[in-house]
PDB file of N, CA and C in Angstrom:
ATOM      1  N   UNK A   1    -191.017  60.152-123.803  1.00  0.00           N
ATOM      2  CA  UNK A   1    -190.636  61.421-123.308  1.00  0.00           C
ATOM      3  C   UNK A   1    -190.522  62.293-124.563  1.00  0.00           C
ATOM      4  N   UNK A   2    -191.096  63.506-124.349  1.00  0.00           N
ATOM      5  CA  UNK A   2    -191.043  64.580-125.449  1.00  0.00           C
ATOM      6  C   UNK A   2    -189.667  65.309-125.319  1.00  0.00           C
ATOM      7  N   UNK A   3    -188.976  65.481-126.429  1.00  0.00           N
ATOM      8  CA  UNK A   3    -187.876  66.228-126.416  1.00  0.00           C
ATOM      9  C   UNK A   3    -188.047  67.741-126.701  1.00  0.00           C
ATOM     10  N   UNK A   4    -187.122  68.546-126.259  1.00  0.00           N
ATOM     11  CA  UNK A   4    -187.031  69.860-126.280  1.00  0.00           C
ATOM     12  C   UNK A   4    -187.438  70.508-127.491  1.00  0.00           C
ATOM     13  N   UNK A   5    -186.787  70.037-128.632  1.00  0.00           N
ATOM     14  CA  UNK A   5    -186.869  70.562-130.099  1.00  0.00           C
ATOM     15  C   UNK A   5    -188.230  70.532-130.535  1.00  0.00           C
ATOM     16  N   UNK A   6    -188.923  69.347-130.205  1.00  0.00           N
ATOM     17  CA  UNK A   6    -190.364  69.190-130.636  1.00  0.00           C
ATOM     18  C   UNK A   6    -191.242  70.269-129.891  1.00  0.00           C
ATOM     19  N   UNK A   7    -191.020  70.436-128.624  1.00  0.00           N
ATOM     20  CA  UNK A   7    -191.830  71.403-127.881  1.00  0.00           C
ATOM     21  C   UNK A   7    -191.498  72.843-128.522  1.00  0.00           C
ATOM     22  N   UNK A   8    -190.228  73.178-128.811  1.00  0.00           N
ATOM     23  CA  UNK A   8    -190.141  74.558-129.316  1.00  0.00           C
ATOM     24  C   UNK A   8    -190.663  74.626-130.581  1.00  0.00           C
ATOM     25  N   UNK A   9    -190.747  73.676-131.617  1.00  0.00           N
ATOM     26  CA  UNK A   9    -191.479  73.828-132.721  1.00  0.00           C
ATOM     27  C   UNK A   9    -193.018  73.988-132.514  1.00  0.00           C
ATOM     28  N   UNK A  10    -193.460  73.187-131.792  1.00  0.00           N
ATOM     29  CA  UNK A  10    -194.971  73.359-131.529  1.00  0.00           C
ATOM     30  C   UNK A  10    -195.364  74.609-130.780  1.00  0.00           C
ATOM     31  N   UNK A  11    -194.412  75.277-130.039  1.00  0.00           N
ATOM     32  CA  UNK A  11    -194.559  76.582-129.459  1.00  0.00           C
ATOM     33  C   UNK A  11    -194.562  77.551-130.763  1.00  0.00           C
ATOM     34  N   UNK A  12    -193.633  77.517-131.612  1.00  0.00           N
ATOM     35  CA  UNK A  12    -193.459  78.488-132.652  1.00  0.00           C
ATOM     36  C   UNK A  12    -194.742  78.408-133.553  1.00  0.00           C
ATOM     37  N   UNK A  13    -195.247  77.213-133.870  1.00  0.00           N
ATOM     38  CA  UNK A  13    -196.503  77.058-134.558  1.00  0.00           C
ATOM     39  C   UNK A  13    -197.632  77.629-133.934  1.00  0.00           C
ATOM     40  N   UNK A  14    -197.713  77.446-132.674  1.00  0.00           N
ATOM     41  CA  UNK A  14    -198.959  78.013-131.799  1.00  0.00           C
ATOM     42  C   UNK A  14    -198.946  79.455-131.683  1.00  0.00           C
ATOM     43  N   UNK A  15    -197.618  80.088-131.822  1.00  0.00           N
ATOM     44  CA  UNK A  15    -197.478  81.493-131.582  1.00  0.00           C
ATOM     45  C   UNK A  15    -197.826  82.159-133.042  1.00  0.00           C
ATOM     46  N   UNK A  16    -197.464  81.489-134.078  1.00  0.00           N
ATOM     47  CA  UNK A  16    -197.809  81.893-135.427  1.00  0.00           C
ATOM     48  C   UNK A  16    -199.314  81.968-135.654  1.00  0.00           C
ATOM     49  N   UNK A  17    -199.855  80.762-135.137  1.00  0.00           N
ATOM     50  CA  UNK A  17    -201.410  80.604-135.449  1.00  0.00           C
ATOM     51  C   UNK A  17    -202.096  81.754-134.501  1.00  0.00           C
ATOM     52  N   UNK A  18    -201.550  82.049-133.239  1.00  0.00           N
ATOM     53  CA  UNK A  18    -202.141  83.044-132.373  1.00  0.00           C
ATOM     54  C   UNK A  18    -202.180  84.489-133.232  1.00  0.00           C
ATOM     55  N   UNK A  19    -201.019  84.633-133.664  1.00  0.00           N
ATOM     56  CA  UNK A  19    -200.781  85.909-134.395  1.00  0.00           C
ATOM     57  C   UNK A  19    -201.778  86.100-135.565  1.00  0.00           C
ATOM     58  N   UNK A  20    -202.031  85.001-136.310  1.00  0.00           N
ATOM     59  CA  UNK A  20    -203.004  85.143-137.398  1.00  0.00           C
ATOM     60  C   UNK A  20    -204.478  85.347-136.793  1.00  0.00           C
ATOM     61  N   UNK A  21    -204.726  84.670-135.677  1.00  0.00           N
ATOM     62  CA  UNK A  21    -206.069  84.810-135.074  1.00  0.00           C
ATOM     63  C   UNK A  21    -206.204  86.206-134.607  1.00  0.00           C
ATOM     64  N   UNK A  22    -205.343  86.753-134.107  1.00  0.00           N
ATOM     65  CA  UNK A  22    -205.319  88.175-133.416  1.00  0.00           C
ATOM     66  C   UNK A  22    -205.645  89.209-134.644  1.00  0.00           C
ATOM     67  N   UNK A  23    -204.781  88.924-135.769  1.00  0.00           N
ATOM     68  CA  UNK A  23    -204.966  89.795-136.977  1.00  0.00           C
ATOM     69  C   UNK A  23    -206.242  89.719-137.460  1.00  0.00           C
ATOM     70  N   UNK A  24    -206.912  88.585-137.496  1.00  0.00           N
ATOM     71  CA  UNK A  24    -208.447  88.440-138.071  1.00  0.00           C
ATOM     72  C   UNK A  24    -209.291  89.043-137.182  1.00  0.00           C
ATOM     73  N   UNK A  25    -209.078  88.970-135.858  1.00  0.00           N
ATOM     74  CA  UNK A  25    -210.004  89.725-134.876  1.00  0.00           C
ATOM     75  C   UNK A  25    -209.796  91.177-135.059  1.00  0.00           C
ATOM     76  N   UNK A  26    -208.569  91.762-135.286  1.00  0.00           N
ATOM     77  CA  UNK A  26    -208.420  93.135-135.531  1.00  0.00           C
ATOM     78  C   UNK A  26    -209.113  93.537-136.844  1.00  0.00           C
ATOM     79  N   UNK A  27    -209.115  92.798-137.871  1.00  0.00           N
ATOM     80  CA  UNK A  27    -209.724  92.996-139.174  1.00  0.00           C
ATOM     81  C   UNK A  27    -211.287  93.166-138.963  1.00  0.00           C
ATOM     82  N   UNK A  28    -211.889  92.146-138.164  1.00  0.00           N
ATOM     83  CA  UNK A  28    -213.143  92.048-137.914  1.00  0.00           C
ATOM     84  C   UNK A  28    -213.619  93.377-137.173  1.00  0.00           C
ATOM     85  N   UNK A  29    -212.952  93.774-136.020  1.00  0.00           N
ATOM     86  CA  UNK A  29    -213.312  94.894-135.350  1.00  0.00           C
ATOM     87  C   UNK A  29    -213.205  96.281-136.286  1.00  0.00           C
ATOM     88  N   UNK A  30    -212.240  96.199-137.169  1.00  0.00           N
ATOM     89  CA  UNK A  30    -212.203  97.469-137.986  1.00  0.00           C
ATOM     90  C   UNK A  30    -213.361  97.317-138.909  1.00  0.00           C
ATOM     91  N   UNK A  31    -213.668  96.251-139.482  1.00  0.00           N
ATOM     92  CA  UNK A  31    -214.904  96.188-140.355  1.00  0.00           C
ATOM     93  C   UNK A  31    -216.216  96.583-139.562  1.00  0.00           C
ATOM     94  N   UNK A  32    -216.387  96.088-138.363  1.00  0.00           N
ATOM     95  CA  UNK A  32    -217.535  96.533-137.606  1.00  0.00           C
ATOM     96  C   UNK A  32    -217.596  97.984-137.476  1.00  0.00           C
ATOM     97  N   UNK A  33    -216.424  98.632-136.824  1.00  0.00           N
ATOM     98  CA  UNK A  33    -216.329 100.061-136.743  1.00  0.00           C
ATOM     99  C   UNK A  33    -216.675 100.867-138.146  1.00  0.00           C
ATOM    100  N   UNK A  34    -216.071 100.401-139.091  1.00  0.00           N
ATOM    101  CA  UNK A  34    -216.126 101.276-140.406  1.00  0.00           C
ATOM    102  C   UNK A  34    -217.556 100.993-141.073  1.00  0.00           C
ATOM    103  N   UNK A  35    -218.285  99.923-140.672  1.00  0.00           N
ATOM    104  CA  UNK A  35    -219.638  99.764-141.193  1.00  0.00           C
ATOM    105  C   UNK A  35    -220.635 100.785-140.583  1.00  0.00           C
ATOM    106  N   UNK A  36    -220.172 101.709-139.762  1.00  0.00           N
ATOM    107  CA  UNK A  36    -221.186 102.745-139.139  1.00  0.00           C
ATOM    108  C   UNK A  36    -221.809 102.273-137.880  1.00  0.00           C
ATOM    109  N   UNK A  37    -221.468 101.190-137.411  1.00  0.00           N
ATOM    110  CA  UNK A  37    -221.976 100.768-136.060  1.00  0.00           C
ATOM    111  C   UNK A  37    -220.899 100.852-135.091  1.00  0.00           C
ATOM    112  N   UNK A  38    -220.998 101.864-134.230  1.00  0.00           N
ATOM    113  CA  UNK A  38    -220.038 102.031-133.210  1.00  0.00           C
ATOM    114  C   UNK A  38    -220.220 100.873-132.063  1.00  0.00           C
ATOM    115  N   UNK A  39    -219.249 100.566-131.393  1.00  0.00           N
ATOM    116  CA  UNK A  39    -219.318  99.601-130.485  1.00  0.00           C
ATOM    117  C   UNK A  39    -220.492  99.844-129.434  1.00  0.00           C
ATOM    118  N   UNK A  40    -221.079  98.838-128.794  1.00  0.00           N
ATOM    119  CA  UNK A  40    -222.290  98.872-128.010  1.00  0.00           C
ATOM    120  C   UNK A  40    -222.177  99.792-126.894  1.00  0.00           C
ATOM    121  N   UNK A  41    -220.953  99.853-126.364  1.00  0.00           N
ATOM    122  CA  UNK A  41    -220.660 100.718-125.094  1.00  0.00           C
ATOM    123  C   UNK A  41    -220.707 102.082-125.587  1.00  0.00           C
ATOM    124  N   UNK A  42    -220.299 102.488-126.705  1.00  0.00           N
ATOM    125  CA  UNK A  42    -220.375 103.792-127.120  1.00  0.00           C
ATOM    126  C   UNK A  42    -221.741 104.351-127.306  1.00  0.00           C
ATOM    127  N   UNK A  43    -222.612 103.455-127.882  1.00  0.00           N
ATOM    128  CA  UNK A  43    -224.142 103.710-128.081  1.00  0.00           C
ATOM    129  C   UNK A  43    -224.800 103.932-126.760  1.00  0.00           C
ATOM    130  N   UNK A  44    -224.512 103.230-125.816  1.00  0.00           N
ATOM    131  CA  UNK A  44    -225.111 103.348-124.358  1.00  0.00           C
ATOM    132  C   UNK A  44    -224.675 104.574-123.751  1.00  0.00           C
ATOM    133  N   UNK A  45    -223.326 104.712-123.850  1.00  0.00           N
ATOM    134  CA  UNK A  45    -222.687 105.966-123.238  1.00  0.00           C
ATOM    135  C   UNK A  45    -223.363 107.319-123.898  1.00  0.00           C
ATOM    136  N   UNK A  46    -223.484 107.306-125.138  1.00  0.00           N
ATOM    137  CA  UNK A  46    -224.020 108.530-125.814  1.00  0.00           C
ATOM    138  C   UNK A  46    -225.575 108.706-125.313  1.00  0.00           C
ATOM    139  N   UNK A  47    -226.332 107.689-125.257  1.00  0.00           N
ATOM    140  CA  UNK A  47    -227.762 107.814-124.755  1.00  0.00           C
ATOM    141  C   UNK A  47    -227.781 108.413-123.315  1.00  0.00           C
ATOM    142  N   UNK A  48    -226.762 107.940-122.478  1.00  0.00           N
ATOM    143  CA  UNK A  48    -226.881 108.431-121.173  1.00  0.00           C
ATOM    144  C   UNK A  48    -226.397 109.909-121.053  1.00  0.00           C
ATOM    145  N   UNK A  49    -225.573 110.332-121.911  1.00  0.00           N
ATOM    146  CA  UNK A  49    -225.036 111.649-121.975  1.00  0.00           C
ATOM    147  C   UNK A  49    -226.264 112.608-122.438  1.00  0.00           C
ATOM    148  N   UNK A  50    -226.948 112.079-123.324  1.00  0.00           N
ATOM    149  CA  UNK A  50    -228.067 112.878-123.961  1.00  0.00           C
ATOM    150  C   UNK A  50    -229.373 113.121-122.938  1.00  0.00           C
ATOM    151  N   UNK A  51    -229.506 112.121-122.064  1.00  0.00           N
ATOM    152  CA  UNK A  51    -230.727 112.175-121.077  1.00  0.00           C
ATOM    153  C   UNK A  51    -230.492 113.136-120.045  1.00  0.00           C
ATOM    154  N   UNK A  52    -231.437 114.068-119.816  1.00  0.00           N
ATOM    155  CA  UNK A  52    -231.357 115.066-118.901  1.00  0.00           C
ATOM    156  C   UNK A  52    -231.469 114.513-117.494  1.00  0.00           C
ATOM    157  N   UNK A  53    -230.745 115.090-116.453  1.00  0.00           N
ATOM    158  CA  UNK A  53    -230.744 114.636-115.168  1.00  0.00           C
ATOM    159  C   UNK A  53    -231.914 115.185-114.512  1.00  0.00           C
ATOM    160  N   UNK A  54    -232.791 114.404-113.939  1.00  0.00           N
ATOM    161  CA  UNK A  54    -234.046 114.804-113.226  1.00  0.00           C
ATOM    162  C   UNK A  54    -234.003 114.196-111.849  1.00  0.00           C
ATOM    163  N   UNK A  55    -234.163 114.838-110.717  1.00  0.00           N
ATOM    164  CA  UNK A  55    -234.388 114.228-109.477  1.00  0.00           C
ATOM    165  C   UNK A  55    -235.626 113.610-109.283  1.00  0.00           C
ATOM    166  N   UNK A  56    -235.764 112.562-108.573  1.00  0.00           N
ATOM    167  CA  UNK A  56    -237.231 112.102-108.358  1.00  0.00           C
ATOM    168  C   UNK A  56    -237.838 113.024-107.343  1.00  0.00           C
ATOM    169  N   UNK A  57    -239.271 113.133-107.580  1.00  0.00           N
ATOM    170  CA  UNK A  57    -239.928 114.050-106.686  1.00  0.00           C
ATOM    171  C   UNK A  57    -240.525 113.062-105.493  1.00  0.00           C
ATOM    172  N   UNK A  58    -240.466 113.708-104.266  1.00  0.00           N
ATOM    173  CA  UNK A  58    -241.043 112.937-103.223  1.00  0.00           C
ATOM    174  C   UNK A  58    -242.265 113.654-102.682  1.00  0.00           C
ATOM    175  N   UNK A  59    -243.313 112.925-102.422  1.00  0.00           N
ATOM    176  CA  UNK A  59    -244.518 113.542-102.029  1.00  0.00           C
ATOM    177  C   UNK A  59    -244.471 114.013-100.511  1.00  0.00           C
ATOM    178  N   UNK A  60    -245.279 115.085-100.115  1.00  0.00           N
ATOM    179  CA  UNK A  60    -245.182 115.483 -98.741  1.00  0.00           C
ATOM    180  C   UNK A  60    -245.556 114.394 -97.774  1.00  0.00           C
ATOM    181  N   UNK A  61    -246.393 113.445 -98.236  1.00  0.00           N
ATOM    182  CA  UNK A  61    -246.728 112.371 -97.318  1.00  0.00           C
ATOM    183  C   UNK A  61    -245.528 111.300 -97.025  1.00  0.00           C
ATOM    184  N   UNK A  62    -244.838 111.182 -98.156  1.00  0.00           N
ATOM    185  CA  UNK A  62    -243.562 110.363 -98.046  1.00  0.00           C
ATOM    186  C   UNK A  62    -242.361 111.006 -97.289  1.00  0.00           C
ATOM    187  N   UNK A  63    -242.248 112.317 -97.347  1.00  0.00           N
ATOM    188  CA  UNK A  63    -241.326 113.111 -96.552  1.00  0.00           C
ATOM    189  C   UNK A  63    -241.958 112.942 -95.049  1.00  0.00           C
ATOM    190  N   UNK A  64    -243.109 112.982 -94.768  1.00  0.00           N
ATOM    191  CA  UNK A  64    -243.619 112.869 -93.352  1.00  0.00           C
ATOM    192  C   UNK A  64    -243.402 111.640 -92.896  1.00  0.00           C
ATOM    193  N   UNK A  65    -243.396 110.557 -93.642  1.00  0.00           N
ATOM    194  CA  UNK A  65    -243.367 109.269 -93.152  1.00  0.00           C
ATOM    195  C   UNK A  65    -241.872 109.020 -92.815  1.00  0.00           C
ATOM    196  N   UNK A  66    -241.012 109.551 -93.717  1.00  0.00           N
ATOM    197  CA  UNK A  66    -239.461 109.348 -93.382  1.00  0.00           C
ATOM    198  C   UNK A  66    -239.206 110.056 -92.103  1.00  0.00           C
ATOM    199  N   UNK A  67    -239.797 111.384 -91.967  1.00  0.00           N
ATOM    200  CA  UNK A  67    -239.453 112.215 -90.753  1.00  0.00           C
ATOM    201  C   UNK A  67    -239.969 111.412 -89.499  1.00  0.00           C
ATOM    202  N   UNK A  68    -241.024 110.870 -89.526  1.00  0.00           N
ATOM    203  CA  UNK A  68    -241.665 110.150 -88.451  1.00  0.00           C
ATOM    204  C   UNK A  68    -240.821 109.011 -87.990  1.00  0.00           C
ATOM    205  N   UNK A  69    -240.398 108.114 -88.999  1.00  0.00           N
ATOM    206  CA  UNK A  69    -239.564 107.022 -88.863  1.00  0.00           C
ATOM    207  C   UNK A  69    -238.211 107.419 -88.177  1.00  0.00           C
ATOM    208  N   UNK A  70    -237.516 108.412 -88.621  1.00  0.00           N
ATOM    209  CA  UNK A  70    -236.272 109.101 -88.131  1.00  0.00           C
ATOM    210  C   UNK A  70    -236.535 109.415 -86.762  1.00  0.00           C
ATOM    211  N   UNK A  71    -237.545 110.190 -86.413  1.00  0.00           N
ATOM    212  CA  UNK A  71    -237.792 110.477 -85.100  1.00  0.00           C
ATOM    213  C   UNK A  71    -237.879 109.425 -84.078  1.00  0.00           C
ATOM    214  N   UNK A  72    -238.617 108.368 -84.620  1.00  0.00           N
ATOM    215  CA  UNK A  72    -238.879 107.229 -83.813  1.00  0.00           C
ATOM    216  C   UNK A  72    -237.648 106.472 -83.520  1.00  0.00           C
ATOM    217  N   UNK A  73    -236.736 106.386 -84.626  1.00  0.00           N
ATOM    218  CA  UNK A  73    -235.321 105.643 -84.188  1.00  0.00           C
ATOM    219  C   UNK A  73    -234.569 106.530 -83.323  1.00  0.00           C
ATOM    220  N   UNK A  74    -234.439 107.814 -83.509  1.00  0.00           N
ATOM    221  CA  UNK A  74    -233.609 108.581 -82.538  1.00  0.00           C
ATOM    222  C   UNK A  74    -234.345 108.673 -81.052  1.00  0.00           C
ATOM    223  N   UNK A  75    -235.507 108.582 -81.063  1.00  0.00           N
ATOM    224  CA  UNK A  75    -236.183 108.393 -79.731  1.00  0.00           C
ATOM    225  C   UNK A  75    -235.771 107.088 -78.993  1.00  0.00           C
ATOM    226  N   UNK A  76    -235.856 106.055 -79.721  1.00  0.00           N
ATOM    227  CA  UNK A  76    -235.370 104.766 -79.283  1.00  0.00           C
ATOM    228  C   UNK A  76    -234.005 104.658 -78.856  1.00  0.00           C
ATOM    229  N   UNK A  77    -233.173 105.426 -79.701  1.00  0.00           N
ATOM    230  CA  UNK A  77    -231.640 105.393 -79.320  1.00  0.00           C
ATOM    231  C   UNK A  77    -231.318 106.328 -78.082  1.00  0.00           C
ATOM    232  N   UNK A  78    -232.085 107.351 -78.103  1.00  0.00           N
ATOM    233  CA  UNK A  78    -231.879 108.111 -76.749  1.00  0.00           C
ATOM    234  C   UNK A  78    -232.307 107.515 -75.583  1.00  0.00           C
ATOM    235  N   UNK A  79    -233.477 106.727 -75.729  1.00  0.00           N
ATOM    236  CA  UNK A  79    -234.081 105.968 -74.574  1.00  0.00           C
ATOM    237  C   UNK A  79    -233.112 104.810 -74.000  1.00  0.00           C
ATOM    238  N   UNK A  80    -232.307 104.322 -75.094  1.00  0.00           N
ATOM    239  CA  UNK A  80    -231.436 103.314 -74.673  1.00  0.00           C
ATOM    240  C   UNK A  80    -230.047 103.777 -74.190  1.00  0.00           C
ATOM    241  N   UNK A  81    -229.814 105.028 -74.569  1.00  0.00           N
ATOM    242  CA  UNK A  81    -228.432 105.595 -74.010  1.00  0.00           C
ATOM    243  C   UNK A  81    -228.542 106.713 -73.242  1.00  0.00           C
ATOM    244  N   UNK A  82    -229.670 106.940 -72.605  1.00  0.00           N
ATOM    245  CA  UNK A  82    -229.903 107.992 -71.634  1.00  0.00           C
ATOM    246  C   UNK A  82    -229.113 107.565 -70.248  1.00  0.00           C
ATOM    247  N   UNK A  83    -228.647 108.590 -69.786  1.00  0.00           N
ATOM    248  CA  UNK A  83    -227.847 108.176 -68.475  1.00  0.00           C
ATOM    249  C   UNK A  83    -228.768 107.990 -67.272  1.00  0.00           C
ATOM    250  N   UNK A  84    -228.579 107.079 -66.708  1.00  0.00           N
ATOM    251  CA  UNK A  84    -229.405 106.400 -65.626  1.00  0.00           C
ATOM    252  C   UNK A  84    -229.399 107.353 -64.374  1.00  0.00           C
ATOM    253  N   UNK A  85    -230.579 107.560 -63.837  1.00  0.00           N
ATOM    254  CA  UNK A  85    -230.625 108.474 -62.620  1.00  0.00           C
ATOM    255  C   UNK A  85    -230.179 107.784 -61.308  1.00  0.00           C
ATOM    256  N   UNK A  86    -229.535 108.477 -60.646  1.00  0.00           N
ATOM    257  CA  UNK A  86    -228.948 107.889 -59.346  1.00  0.00           C
ATOM    258  C   UNK A  86    -229.903 107.955 -58.377  1.00  0.00           C
ATOM    259  N   UNK A  87    -229.981 106.863 -57.434  1.00  0.00           N
ATOM    260  CA  UNK A  87    -231.031 106.714 -56.468  1.00  0.00           C
ATOM    261  C   UNK A  87    -230.529 107.285 -55.147  1.00  0.00           C
TER     262      UNK A  87
END
């Protein structure tokens, strides 16, 4: 059976080791940032900001196809939901 004191010492050692690892990670991030290389997310965001917004152009034929399909769908809907004539 493992005693409490041993577990406490192990925990203290792991916490100290964790602190050292986190400190090294912070140093590496600082070195990367100071090397003139911004993080990748910042580079992508900057490219997106610089790109002008342009809407895609649709041809008249494409618009006509969409209009015909919409009319067809609505005609089908109205045919199914039309009030029935009384006899």
